[in-house]
Structures are given as C-alpha cells and as structure tokens.
C-alpha cells in the first residue's frame, strides 16, 4: 500500500491535496497536514522544548501519527494583505532566539574551524571569478552575459575583499573566547514559512537545530532579500533581542559572500541568473553601508 492509500485508509479524507512534500487531508474530523519525518530529527521533542520555553508559534503534532509520518494541525493564512508581515515575522524570530538562548563552552578549535571554512569559501570565490574575468576580458566579441560580468567584476571583487578583511577582524575578536551563544533556530526561514492566522505560526521546522541565531537572519536574507527592506527588519530584530559585536560582524560577512554565478550554454538563463546575483551584491552593499560610515 503506497503512502497516499495508507493515509486515505487511516484518516478517510473526502479530499487530499499534495503540495510539495506535504499532503493536506480534508476530513469530517478536520483538516490535517501529513509530512514525512525528517531524518534524525525529533520534532515532538523540539516542540515540547519550545513549550517549556513559553514559545508556541508552531502547528501542533497530533499523537496519532503513524510510521514514518508526522500529522500536523492544518493552519491556513488569513489571506489579509499585510505590509508589516515581514516585521511580524522577524519579531517572532527574535522572540524565538531570546527565549531559547544560552551559552555553551567551546574549545578554541570551534572558532578556528568557522574561520577556516569561510576563508576557504572566500578564496574559492575569488579564484572562481578571477578565472572567468581573465577568460572573458580576452574575448574580441563578448556575449551579453560576459560583458555584464566584466563590467561588474570590480564590484564582486570588492565585496569579497570586504568579506576577507572583516573575517580577519572577526577572528581577532573570537579566537580566545571559550564560549558561544546558541539558540534554537528555525534554520529554514522565509516569508513562505510564516503564517498569520488566529495567531502567528512558523511552519516547516524540518531543519531546526541549536546553533548561532545569525543563521536564521542569514537564511531569511538569502531567501527574501529582493522582496524585503532589510534595514527596518534588522532594526526591529535588534529592538527585541541583541547581537554581540562578533555576531553582527559574522552576519555581515556571511551576507557579503557573493553567490556563485553559473555560466552555462543557455545565454538567456545565464543573463537572468547573473542579474539576480548582481542585484544581491548591490542590495547587500546598500544595506551594509550605514554600518561602515565614518560617524558610525
């Protein structure tokens, strides 16, 4: 019996809809969402911990889940167009971080490993883009994507140089620290994973874990940088909870890493991809600039 037939036999829905990796069941007893259990992730334990920390912005898991599936309550967005949705989301995330924050003792290798991983990523990106610049600059007739890349190469180079300088400064702040602040993070933040209903909900907790809270900010920025006016969102976050100097610096370093532009034989797709990545570079520079002016 396949998954759908098994669910139909168990819950006897009069309608079911598959959306991505979730199955929505409409039954006479109510509506449910069925998702495959994430590997090595105890969501029931995570949700119980959140309840203990007085954070309840997640859909309930019903006790009658079976086999390798979780059965959640179905939460429907109220459908109201709300310009402040992004700020409501970040307020909820700030609350999550503040309610679950704690310090953990770490060895000096912890920060060294973070430093080396990011440094290697920066060096890889520098070599990757320099290789294409050297290749394209020799072309007699550049394609549109080649011309656009060469024209903006100095901006990409500057962004990566900024990341490298800031990374060295960050490591000088943390290399002798013996503790790290952790929180329970959602680890998959986007506007699509926030629902405003009778109350606020975060959904899709499959990647939740204990880690530095800046990873939630970083992933939200990556997923929704174009739609969001991130300056106000970031200020709202800091009005509710705080980031240390080294946490803020690491966040700025991560968002400054230029996403890898893929060059393919499809010129139209390459141009689209490049424009998107260059927009990321320019928008990130605009967001960071006030934090690096002389008077700040």
C-alpha atoms as a PDB file:
ATOM      1  CA  UNK A   1       0.000   0.000   0.000  1.00  0.00           C
ATOM      2  CA  UNK A   2       1.554   3.341  -1.046  1.00  0.00           C
ATOM      3  CA  UNK A   3       1.710   6.407   1.179  1.00  0.00           C
ATOM      4  CA  UNK A   4      -1.443   8.054  -0.182  1.00  0.00           C
ATOM      5  CA  UNK A   5      -3.536   4.890   0.079  1.00  0.00           C
ATOM      6  CA  UNK A   6      -2.269   4.325   3.617  1.00  0.00           C
ATOM      7  CA  UNK A   7      -3.238   7.851   4.640  1.00  0.00           C
ATOM      8  CA  UNK A   8      -6.651   7.541   2.993  1.00  0.00           C
ATOM      9  CA  UNK A   9      -7.266   4.304   4.850  1.00  0.00           C
ATOM     10  CA  UNK A  10      -6.264   5.825   8.183  1.00  0.00           C
ATOM     11  CA  UNK A  11      -7.953   9.252   8.028  1.00  0.00           C
ATOM     12  CA  UNK A  12     -10.697   8.630   5.449  1.00  0.00           C
ATOM     13  CA  UNK A  13     -10.446  12.070   3.815  1.00  0.00           C
ATOM     14  CA  UNK A  14     -13.028  13.274   1.328  1.00  0.00           C
ATOM     15  CA  UNK A  15     -10.277  15.260  -0.417  1.00  0.00           C
ATOM     16  CA  UNK A  16      -6.488  15.329  -0.341  1.00  0.00           C
ATOM     17  CA  UNK A  17      -4.028  17.712  -1.963  1.00  0.00           C
ATOM     18  CA  UNK A  18      -0.299  17.262  -2.430  1.00  0.00           C
ATOM     19  CA  UNK A  19       1.750  20.448  -2.017  1.00  0.00           C
ATOM     20  CA  UNK A  20       5.470  19.900  -2.320  1.00  0.00           C
ATOM     21  CA  UNK A  21       6.478  17.384   0.340  1.00  0.00           C
ATOM     22  CA  UNK A  22       3.231  17.790   2.301  1.00  0.00           C
ATOM     23  CA  UNK A  23      -0.158  16.129   1.881  1.00  0.00           C
ATOM     24  CA  UNK A  24      -3.218  18.088   3.043  1.00  0.00           C
ATOM     25  CA  UNK A  25      -6.104  15.885   4.154  1.00  0.00           C
ATOM     26  CA  UNK A  26      -9.631  17.282   4.378  1.00  0.00           C
ATOM     27  CA  UNK A  27     -11.764  15.058   6.610  1.00  0.00           C
ATOM     28  CA  UNK A  28     -15.053  15.268   8.515  1.00  0.00           C
ATOM     29  CA  UNK A  29     -12.953  15.481  11.703  1.00  0.00           C
ATOM     30  CA  UNK A  30     -10.949  18.487  10.466  1.00  0.00           C
ATOM     31  CA  UNK A  31      -8.018  19.175   8.191  1.00  0.00           C
ATOM     32  CA  UNK A  32      -4.512  17.796   8.668  1.00  0.00           C
ATOM     33  CA  UNK A  33      -1.081  18.110   7.110  1.00  0.00           C
ATOM     34  CA  UNK A  34       0.985  14.955   6.726  1.00  0.00           C
ATOM     35  CA  UNK A  35       4.736  15.178   6.171  1.00  0.00           C
ATOM     36  CA  UNK A  36       7.482  12.611   6.155  1.00  0.00           C
ATOM     37  CA  UNK A  37       9.504  12.578   9.374  1.00  0.00           C
ATOM     38  CA  UNK A  38      12.836  14.335   8.815  1.00  0.00           C
ATOM     39  CA  UNK A  39      15.819  12.058   9.345  1.00  0.00           C
ATOM     40  CA  UNK A  40      17.437  12.245  12.793  1.00  0.00           C
ATOM     41  CA  UNK A  41      15.033  14.991  13.873  1.00  0.00           C
ATOM     42  CA  UNK A  42      12.650  14.646  16.808  1.00  0.00           C
ATOM     43  CA  UNK A  43      10.150  17.425  16.133  1.00  0.00           C
ATOM     44  CA  UNK A  44       7.946  16.337  19.022  1.00  0.00           C
ATOM     45  CA  UNK A  45      10.902  16.800  21.366  1.00  0.00           C
ATOM     46  CA  UNK A  46      11.753  20.175  19.803  1.00  0.00           C
ATOM     47  CA  UNK A  47       8.165  21.411  20.128  1.00  0.00           C
ATOM     48  CA  UNK A  48       7.971  20.217  23.740  1.00  0.00           C
ATOM     49  CA  UNK A  49      11.160  22.156  24.481  1.00  0.00           C
ATOM     50  CA  UNK A  50       9.682  25.274  22.865  1.00  0.00           C
ATOM     51  CA  UNK A  51       6.554  24.938  25.010  1.00  0.00           C
ATOM     52  CA  UNK A  52       8.768  24.757  28.094  1.00  0.00           C
ATOM     53  CA  UNK A  53      10.409  28.000  26.950  1.00  0.00           C
ATOM     54  CA  UNK A  54       6.954  29.571  26.515  1.00  0.00           C
ATOM     55  CA  UNK A  55       7.154  29.730  22.709  1.00  0.00           C
ATOM     56  CA  UNK A  56       4.099  28.285  20.943  1.00  0.00           C
ATOM     57  CA  UNK A  57       4.247  29.659  17.395  1.00  0.00           C
ATOM     58  CA  UNK A  58       4.181  26.302  15.618  1.00  0.00           C
ATOM     59  CA  UNK A  59       1.488  23.871  14.424  1.00  0.00           C
ATOM     60  CA  UNK A  60       0.612  21.054  16.818  1.00  0.00           C
ATOM     61  CA  UNK A  61       1.700  17.496  16.071  1.00  0.00           C
ATOM     62  CA  UNK A  62      -1.110  15.063  16.787  1.00  0.00           C
ATOM     63  CA  UNK A  63      -0.375  11.962  18.839  1.00  0.00           C
ATOM     64  CA  UNK A  64      -1.897   9.628  16.280  1.00  0.00           C
ATOM     65  CA  UNK A  65       0.905   9.980  13.732  1.00  0.00           C
ATOM     66  CA  UNK A  66       1.906   6.700  12.144  1.00  0.00           C
ATOM     67  CA  UNK A  67       5.055   5.037  10.844  1.00  0.00           C
ATOM     68  CA  UNK A  68       7.425   7.485   9.181  1.00  0.00           C
ATOM     69  CA  UNK A  69       4.984  10.420   9.018  1.00  0.00           C
ATOM     70  CA  UNK A  70       4.102  13.388  11.219  1.00  0.00           C
ATOM     71  CA  UNK A  71       0.490  14.575  11.279  1.00  0.00           C
ATOM     72  CA  UNK A  72       0.162  18.321  11.938  1.00  0.00           C
ATOM     73  CA  UNK A  73      -2.792  20.567  12.506  1.00  0.00           C
ATOM     74  CA  UNK A  74      -3.686  22.442   9.325  1.00  0.00           C
ATOM     75  CA  UNK A  75      -3.117  26.181   9.635  1.00  0.00           C
ATOM     76  CA  UNK A  76      -4.484  28.484   6.954  1.00  0.00           C
ATOM     77  CA  UNK A  77      -3.266  32.013   6.356  1.00  0.00           C
ATOM     78  CA  UNK A  78      -5.926  34.642   6.986  1.00  0.00           C
ATOM     79  CA  UNK A  79      -5.384  35.956   3.463  1.00  0.00           C
ATOM     80  CA  UNK A  80      -5.132  39.584   4.566  1.00  0.00           C
ATOM     81  CA  UNK A  81      -2.550  41.611   2.652  1.00  0.00           C
ATOM     82  CA  UNK A  82      -0.330  42.908   5.433  1.00  0.00           C
ATOM     83  CA  UNK A  83       2.567  45.267   4.582  1.00  0.00           C
ATOM     84  CA  UNK A  84       4.058  44.600   8.020  1.00  0.00           C
ATOM     85  CA  UNK A  85       4.174  40.811   7.569  1.00  0.00           C
ATOM     86  CA  UNK A  86       7.971  40.727   7.318  1.00  0.00           C
ATOM     87  CA  UNK A  87       8.370  42.756  10.527  1.00  0.00           C
ATOM     88  CA  UNK A  88       5.898  40.487  12.323  1.00  0.00           C
ATOM     89  CA  UNK A  89       7.954  37.507  11.154  1.00  0.00           C
ATOM     90  CA  UNK A  90      11.247  38.931  12.401  1.00  0.00           C
ATOM     91  CA  UNK A  91       9.632  39.862  15.734  1.00  0.00           C
ATOM     92  CA  UNK A  92       8.607  36.234  16.136  1.00  0.00           C
ATOM     93  CA  UNK A  93      12.104  35.020  15.240  1.00  0.00           C
ATOM     94  CA  UNK A  94      13.701  37.460  17.695  1.00  0.00           C
ATOM     95  CA  UNK A  95      11.374  36.104  20.379  1.00  0.00           C
ATOM     96  CA  UNK A  96      12.363  32.529  19.495  1.00  0.00           C
ATOM     97  CA  UNK A  97      16.052  33.377  19.820  1.00  0.00           C
ATOM     98  CA  UNK A  98      15.710  35.306  23.079  1.00  0.00           C
ATOM     99  CA  UNK A  99      13.599  32.614  24.768  1.00  0.00           C
ATOM    100  CA  UNK A 100      15.958  29.757  23.845  1.00  0.00           C
ATOM    101  CA  UNK A 101      19.348  31.482  24.138  1.00  0.00           C
ATOM    102  CA  UNK A 102      22.152  30.006  26.245  1.00  0.00           C
ATOM    103  CA  UNK A 103      25.940  29.969  26.367  1.00  0.00           C
ATOM    104  CA  UNK A 104      27.896  26.828  25.618  1.00  0.00           C
ATOM    105  CA  UNK A 105      31.534  26.191  26.464  1.00  0.00           C
ATOM    106  CA  UNK A 106      33.635  25.600  23.337  1.00  0.00           C
ATOM    107  CA  UNK A 107      37.272  24.980  22.510  1.00  0.00           C
ATOM    108  CA  UNK A 108      39.415  27.397  20.523  1.00  0.00           C
ATOM    109  CA  UNK A 109      39.105  24.972  17.589  1.00  0.00           C
ATOM    110  CA  UNK A 110      35.408  25.857  17.241  1.00  0.00           C
ATOM    111  CA  UNK A 111      36.054  29.410  16.065  1.00  0.00           C
ATOM    112  CA  UNK A 112      39.150  28.409  14.136  1.00  0.00           C
ATOM    113  CA  UNK A 113      37.120  25.912  12.122  1.00  0.00           C
ATOM    114  CA  UNK A 114      34.471  28.533  11.332  1.00  0.00           C
ATOM    115  CA  UNK A 115      37.197  30.958  10.264  1.00  0.00           C
ATOM    116  CA  UNK A 116      38.927  28.440   8.009  1.00  0.00           C
ATOM    117  CA  UNK A 117      35.684  27.284   6.375  1.00  0.00           C
ATOM    118  CA  UNK A 118      34.633  30.822   5.478  1.00  0.00           C
ATOM    119  CA  UNK A 119      38.167  31.769   4.430  1.00  0.00           C
ATOM    120  CA  UNK A 120      38.341  28.803   2.069  1.00  0.00           C
ATOM    121  CA  UNK A 121      34.966  29.758   0.623  1.00  0.00           C
ATOM    122  CA  UNK A 122      36.168  33.320   0.004  1.00  0.00           C
ATOM    123  CA  UNK A 123      39.387  32.110  -1.647  1.00  0.00           C
ATOM    124  CA  UNK A 124      37.397  29.732  -3.833  1.00  0.00           C
ATOM    125  CA  UNK A 125      35.052  32.509  -4.976  1.00  0.00           C
ATOM    126  CA  UNK A 126      37.950  34.889  -5.639  1.00  0.00           C
ATOM    127  CA  UNK A 127      39.672  32.280  -7.823  1.00  0.00           C
ATOM    128  CA  UNK A 128      36.380  31.309  -9.493  1.00  0.00           C
ATOM    129  CA  UNK A 129      35.531  34.867 -10.562  1.00  0.00           C
ATOM    130  CA  UNK A 130      39.091  35.805 -11.486  1.00  0.00           C
ATOM    131  CA  UNK A 131      39.238  32.800 -13.816  1.00  0.00           C
ATOM    132  CA  UNK A 132      36.139  33.965 -15.705  1.00  0.00           C
ATOM    133  CA  UNK A 133      37.308  37.581 -15.762  1.00  0.00           C
ATOM    134  CA  UNK A 134      40.654  36.593 -17.319  1.00  0.00           C
ATOM    135  CA  UNK A 135      38.796  34.444 -19.849  1.00  0.00           C
ATOM    136  CA  UNK A 136      36.166  36.996 -20.852  1.00  0.00           C
ATOM    137  CA  UNK A 137      38.434  40.039 -20.983  1.00  0.00           C
ATOM    138  CA  UNK A 138      40.360  38.398 -23.821  1.00  0.00           C
ATOM    139  CA  UNK A 139      37.233  37.982 -25.957  1.00  0.00           C
ATOM    140  CA  UNK A 140      37.066  40.130 -29.068  1.00  0.00           C
ATOM    141  CA  UNK A 141      33.271  39.959 -29.093  1.00  0.00           C
ATOM    142  CA  UNK A 142      31.772  39.420 -25.652  1.00  0.00           C
ATOM    143  CA  UNK A 143      28.363  37.879 -25.183  1.00  0.00           C
ATOM    144  CA  UNK A 144      25.832  39.943 -23.178  1.00  0.00           C
ATOM    145  CA  UNK A 145      26.492  37.881 -20.044  1.00  0.00           C
ATOM    146  CA  UNK A 146      30.269  38.162 -20.461  1.00  0.00           C
ATOM    147  CA  UNK A 147      30.061  41.928 -20.907  1.00  0.00           C
ATOM    148  CA  UNK A 148      27.789  42.317 -17.886  1.00  0.00           C
ATOM    149  CA  UNK A 149      30.133  40.229 -15.758  1.00  0.00           C
ATOM    150  CA  UNK A 150      33.299  42.104 -16.799  1.00  0.00           C
ATOM    151  CA  UNK A 151      31.544  45.442 -16.248  1.00  0.00           C
ATOM    152  CA  UNK A 152      30.644  44.427 -12.672  1.00  0.00           C
ATOM    153  CA  UNK A 153      33.723  42.392 -11.773  1.00  0.00           C
ATOM    154  CA  UNK A 154      35.232  45.177  -9.665  1.00  0.00           C
ATOM    155  CA  UNK A 155      32.072  45.213  -7.514  1.00  0.00           C
ATOM    156  CA  UNK A 156      32.265  41.446  -6.976  1.00  0.00           C
ATOM    157  CA  UNK A 157      35.978  41.693  -6.193  1.00  0.00           C
ATOM    158  CA  UNK A 158      35.365  44.485  -3.668  1.00  0.00           C
ATOM    159  CA  UNK A 159      32.595  42.536  -1.915  1.00  0.00           C
ATOM    160  CA  UNK A 160      34.844  39.518  -1.477  1.00  0.00           C
ATOM    161  CA  UNK A 161      37.746  41.687  -0.294  1.00  0.00           C
ATOM    162  CA  UNK A 162      35.415  43.241   2.274  1.00  0.00           C
ATOM    163  CA  UNK A 163      34.397  39.771   3.481  1.00  0.00           C
ATOM    164  CA  UNK A 164      38.019  38.730   3.804  1.00  0.00           C
ATOM    165  CA  UNK A 165      39.019  41.827   5.810  1.00  0.00           C
ATOM    166  CA  UNK A 166      36.013  41.550   8.099  1.00  0.00           C
ATOM    167  CA  UNK A 167      36.628  37.835   8.617  1.00  0.00           C
ATOM    168  CA  UNK A 168      40.160  38.542   9.857  1.00  0.00           C
ATOM    169  CA  UNK A 169      38.794  41.219  12.211  1.00  0.00           C
ATOM    170  CA  UNK A 170      36.089  38.829  13.441  1.00  0.00           C
ATOM    171  CA  UNK A 171      38.621  36.106  14.199  1.00  0.00           C
ATOM    172  CA  UNK A 172      40.745  38.528  16.214  1.00  0.00           C
ATOM    173  CA  UNK A 173      37.649  39.124  18.389  1.00  0.00           C
ATOM    174  CA  UNK A 174      36.769  35.480  18.985  1.00  0.00           C
ATOM    175  CA  UNK A 175      39.938  33.380  18.767  1.00  0.00           C
ATOM    176  CA  UNK A 176      40.458  33.402  22.530  1.00  0.00           C
ATOM    177  CA  UNK A 177      36.798  33.078  23.531  1.00  0.00           C
ATOM    178  CA  UNK A 178      35.783  29.952  25.432  1.00  0.00           C
ATOM    179  CA  UNK A 179      32.019  30.136  24.966  1.00  0.00           C
ATOM    180  CA  UNK A 180      29.478  30.546  22.192  1.00  0.00           C
ATOM    181  CA  UNK A 181      25.891  31.790  22.337  1.00  0.00           C
ATOM    182  CA  UNK A 182      23.403  29.360  20.860  1.00  0.00           C
ATOM    183  CA  UNK A 183      19.654  29.377  20.338  1.00  0.00           C
ATOM    184  CA  UNK A 184      17.142  27.003  18.883  1.00  0.00           C
ATOM    185  CA  UNK A 185      16.946  28.245  15.302  1.00  0.00           C
ATOM    186  CA  UNK A 186      14.329  27.508  12.670  1.00  0.00           C
ATOM    187  CA  UNK A 187      17.113  27.190  10.056  1.00  0.00           C
ATOM    188  CA  UNK A 188      14.808  27.472   7.031  1.00  0.00           C
ATOM    189  CA  UNK A 189      13.372  30.964   7.331  1.00  0.00           C
ATOM    190  CA  UNK A 190      11.442  32.585   4.516  1.00  0.00           C
ATOM    191  CA  UNK A 191       8.246  34.581   4.181  1.00  0.00           C
ATOM    192  CA  UNK A 192       6.596  31.387   2.873  1.00  0.00           C
ATOM    193  CA  UNK A 193       7.196  29.687   6.228  1.00  0.00           C
ATOM    194  CA  UNK A 194       5.343  32.332   8.232  1.00  0.00           C
ATOM    195  CA  UNK A 195       1.558  32.141   8.574  1.00  0.00           C
ATOM    196  CA  UNK A 196      -0.688  34.730  10.174  1.00  0.00           C
ATOM    197  CA  UNK A 197      -3.924  33.093  11.275  1.00  0.00           C
ATOM    198  CA  UNK A 198      -5.692  33.239  14.649  1.00  0.00           C
ATOM    199  CA  UNK A 199      -2.109  33.704  15.901  1.00  0.00           C
ATOM    200  CA  UNK A 200       1.368  33.719  14.370  1.00  0.00           C
ATOM    201  CA  UNK A 201       2.927  30.455  13.180  1.00  0.00           C
ATOM    202  CA  UNK A 202       6.280  29.306  11.860  1.00  0.00           C
ATOM    203  CA  UNK A 203       5.975  26.154   9.772  1.00  0.00           C
ATOM    204  CA  UNK A 204       8.480  23.738   8.180  1.00  0.00           C
ATOM    205  CA  UNK A 205      10.709  23.059  11.173  1.00  0.00           C
ATOM    206  CA  UNK A 206      12.472  20.108   9.491  1.00  0.00           C
ATOM    207  CA  UNK A 207      15.906  21.766   9.731  1.00  0.00           C
ATOM    208  CA  UNK A 208      15.595  23.193  13.258  1.00  0.00           C
ATOM    209  CA  UNK A 209      18.662  22.866  15.483  1.00  0.00           C
ATOM    210  CA  UNK A 210      20.695  24.578  18.184  1.00  0.00           C
ATOM    211  CA  UNK A 211      23.153  26.967  16.554  1.00  0.00           C
ATOM    212  CA  UNK A 212      24.090  30.620  16.309  1.00  0.00           C
ATOM    213  CA  UNK A 213      20.972  32.782  15.795  1.00  0.00           C
ATOM    214  CA  UNK A 214      22.573  34.709  12.942  1.00  0.00           C
ATOM    215  CA  UNK A 215      21.991  31.687  10.685  1.00  0.00           C
ATOM    216  CA  UNK A 216      18.261  32.441  10.765  1.00  0.00           C
ATOM    217  CA  UNK A 217      18.914  36.052   9.761  1.00  0.00           C
ATOM    218  CA  UNK A 218      21.309  34.921   7.037  1.00  0.00           C
ATOM    219  CA  UNK A 219      18.864  32.425   5.514  1.00  0.00           C
ATOM    220  CA  UNK A 220      15.967  34.874   5.633  1.00  0.00           C
ATOM    221  CA  UNK A 221      18.160  37.424   3.859  1.00  0.00           C
ATOM    222  CA  UNK A 222      19.211  34.913   1.216  1.00  0.00           C
ATOM    223  CA  UNK A 223      15.671  33.670   0.617  1.00  0.00           C
ATOM    224  CA  UNK A 224      13.869  37.027   0.511  1.00  0.00           C
ATOM    225  CA  UNK A 225      16.473  39.758   0.015  1.00  0.00           C
ATOM    226  CA  UNK A 226      14.707  41.175  -3.049  1.00  0.00           C
ATOM    227  CA  UNK A 227      11.235  41.481  -1.507  1.00  0.00           C
ATOM    228  CA  UNK A 228      12.399  42.780   1.870  1.00  0.00           C
ATOM    229  CA  UNK A 229      13.544  46.194   3.015  1.00  0.00           C
ATOM    230  CA  UNK A 230      16.003  44.536   5.353  1.00  0.00           C
ATOM    231  CA  UNK A 231      17.210  47.643   7.185  1.00  0.00           C
ATOM    232  CA  UNK A 232      13.910  48.080   9.047  1.00  0.00           C
ATOM    233  CA  UNK A 233      13.619  44.328   9.617  1.00  0.00           C
ATOM    234  CA  UNK A 234      17.079  44.162  11.134  1.00  0.00           C
ATOM    235  CA  UNK A 235      16.372  47.153  13.384  1.00  0.00           C
ATOM    236  CA  UNK A 236      13.143  45.501  14.566  1.00  0.00           C
ATOM    237  CA  UNK A 237      15.088  42.347  15.425  1.00  0.00           C
ATOM    238  CA  UNK A 238      17.659  44.314  17.451  1.00  0.00           C
ATOM    239  CA  UNK A 239      14.884  46.182  19.274  1.00  0.00           C
ATOM    240  CA  UNK A 240      13.666  42.856  20.698  1.00  0.00           C
ATOM    241  CA  UNK A 241      16.902  40.962  21.232  1.00  0.00           C
ATOM    242  CA  UNK A 242      20.592  41.747  20.851  1.00  0.00           C
ATOM    243  CA  UNK A 243      23.582  40.599  18.866  1.00  0.00           C
ATOM    244  CA  UNK A 244      27.118  40.900  20.159  1.00  0.00           C
ATOM    245  CA  UNK A 245      29.736  42.729  18.098  1.00  0.00           C
ATOM    246  CA  UNK A 246      31.180  39.455  16.829  1.00  0.00           C
ATOM    247  CA  UNK A 247      27.746  38.039  15.981  1.00  0.00           C
ATOM    248  CA  UNK A 248      26.800  41.097  13.950  1.00  0.00           C
ATOM    249  CA  UNK A 249      30.156  41.083  12.189  1.00  0.00           C
ATOM    250  CA  UNK A 250      29.794  37.410  11.266  1.00  0.00           C
ATOM    251  CA  UNK A 251      26.291  38.040   9.912  1.00  0.00           C
ATOM    252  CA  UNK A 252      27.602  40.864   7.726  1.00  0.00           C
ATOM    253  CA  UNK A 253      30.430  38.626   6.476  1.00  0.00           C
ATOM    254  CA  UNK A 254      28.045  35.832   5.517  1.00  0.00           C
ATOM    255  CA  UNK A 255      25.658  38.011   3.542  1.00  0.00           C
ATOM    256  CA  UNK A 256      28.626  39.651   1.760  1.00  0.00           C
ATOM    257  CA  UNK A 257      29.765  36.382   0.209  1.00  0.00           C
ATOM    258  CA  UNK A 258      28.830  36.758  -3.449  1.00  0.00           C
ATOM    259  CA  UNK A 259      26.593  33.862  -4.550  1.00  0.00           C
ATOM    260  CA  UNK A 260      28.212  31.769  -7.243  1.00  0.00           C
ATOM    261  CA  UNK A 261      27.128  32.786 -10.749  1.00  0.00           C
ATOM    262  CA  UNK A 262      26.699  29.802 -13.036  1.00  0.00           C
ATOM    263  CA  UNK A 263      27.840  30.259 -16.634  1.00  0.00           C
ATOM    264  CA  UNK A 264      26.033  27.876 -18.986  1.00  0.00           C
ATOM    265  CA  UNK A 265      25.417  27.457 -22.710  1.00  0.00           C
ATOM    266  CA  UNK A 266      21.959  28.963 -22.281  1.00  0.00           C
ATOM    267  CA  UNK A 267      22.746  32.661 -22.668  1.00  0.00           C
ATOM    268  CA  UNK A 268      19.282  33.833 -21.605  1.00  0.00           C
ATOM    269  CA  UNK A 269      19.342  31.811 -18.374  1.00  0.00           C
ATOM    270  CA  UNK A 270      22.906  32.899 -17.641  1.00  0.00           C
ATOM    271  CA  UNK A 271      21.935  36.562 -18.019  1.00  0.00           C
ATOM    272  CA  UNK A 272      18.930  36.108 -15.743  1.00  0.00           C
ATOM    273  CA  UNK A 273      20.993  34.319 -13.113  1.00  0.00           C
ATOM    274  CA  UNK A 274      23.746  36.911 -13.281  1.00  0.00           C
ATOM    275  CA  UNK A 275      21.334  39.832 -12.943  1.00  0.00           C
ATOM    276  CA  UNK A 276      19.812  38.208  -9.870  1.00  0.00           C
ATOM    277  CA  UNK A 277      23.216  37.640  -8.244  1.00  0.00           C
ATOM    278  CA  UNK A 278      24.432  41.146  -9.096  1.00  0.00           C
ATOM    279  CA  UNK A 279      21.255  42.613  -7.617  1.00  0.00           C
ATOM    280  CA  UNK A 280      22.135  40.679  -4.454  1.00  0.00           C
ATOM    281  CA  UNK A 281      25.599  42.278  -4.393  1.00  0.00           C
ATOM    282  CA  UNK A 282      24.302  45.819  -4.854  1.00  0.00           C
ATOM    283  CA  UNK A 283      21.435  45.435  -2.400  1.00  0.00           C
ATOM    284  CA  UNK A 284      23.776  43.976   0.235  1.00  0.00           C
ATOM    285  CA  UNK A 285      26.190  46.862  -0.211  1.00  0.00           C
ATOM    286  CA  UNK A 286      23.310  49.306   0.267  1.00  0.00           C
ATOM    287  CA  UNK A 287      22.186  47.534   3.441  1.00  0.00           C
ATOM    288  CA  UNK A 288      25.694  47.432   4.973  1.00  0.00           C
ATOM    289  CA  UNK A 289      26.876  50.908   4.044  1.00  0.00           C
ATOM    290  CA  UNK A 290      25.319  52.750   7.045  1.00  0.00           C
ATOM    291  CA  UNK A 291      27.154  50.416   9.431  1.00  0.00           C
ATOM    292  CA  UNK A 292      30.542  51.316   7.954  1.00  0.00           C
ATOM    293  CA  UNK A 293      30.334  55.067   7.529  1.00  0.00           C
ATOM    294  CA  UNK A 294      32.771  57.253   9.442  1.00  0.00           C
ATOM    295  CA  UNK A 295      30.298  58.510  12.018  1.00  0.00           C
ATOM    296  CA  UNK A 296      29.008  55.029  12.906  1.00  0.00           C
END
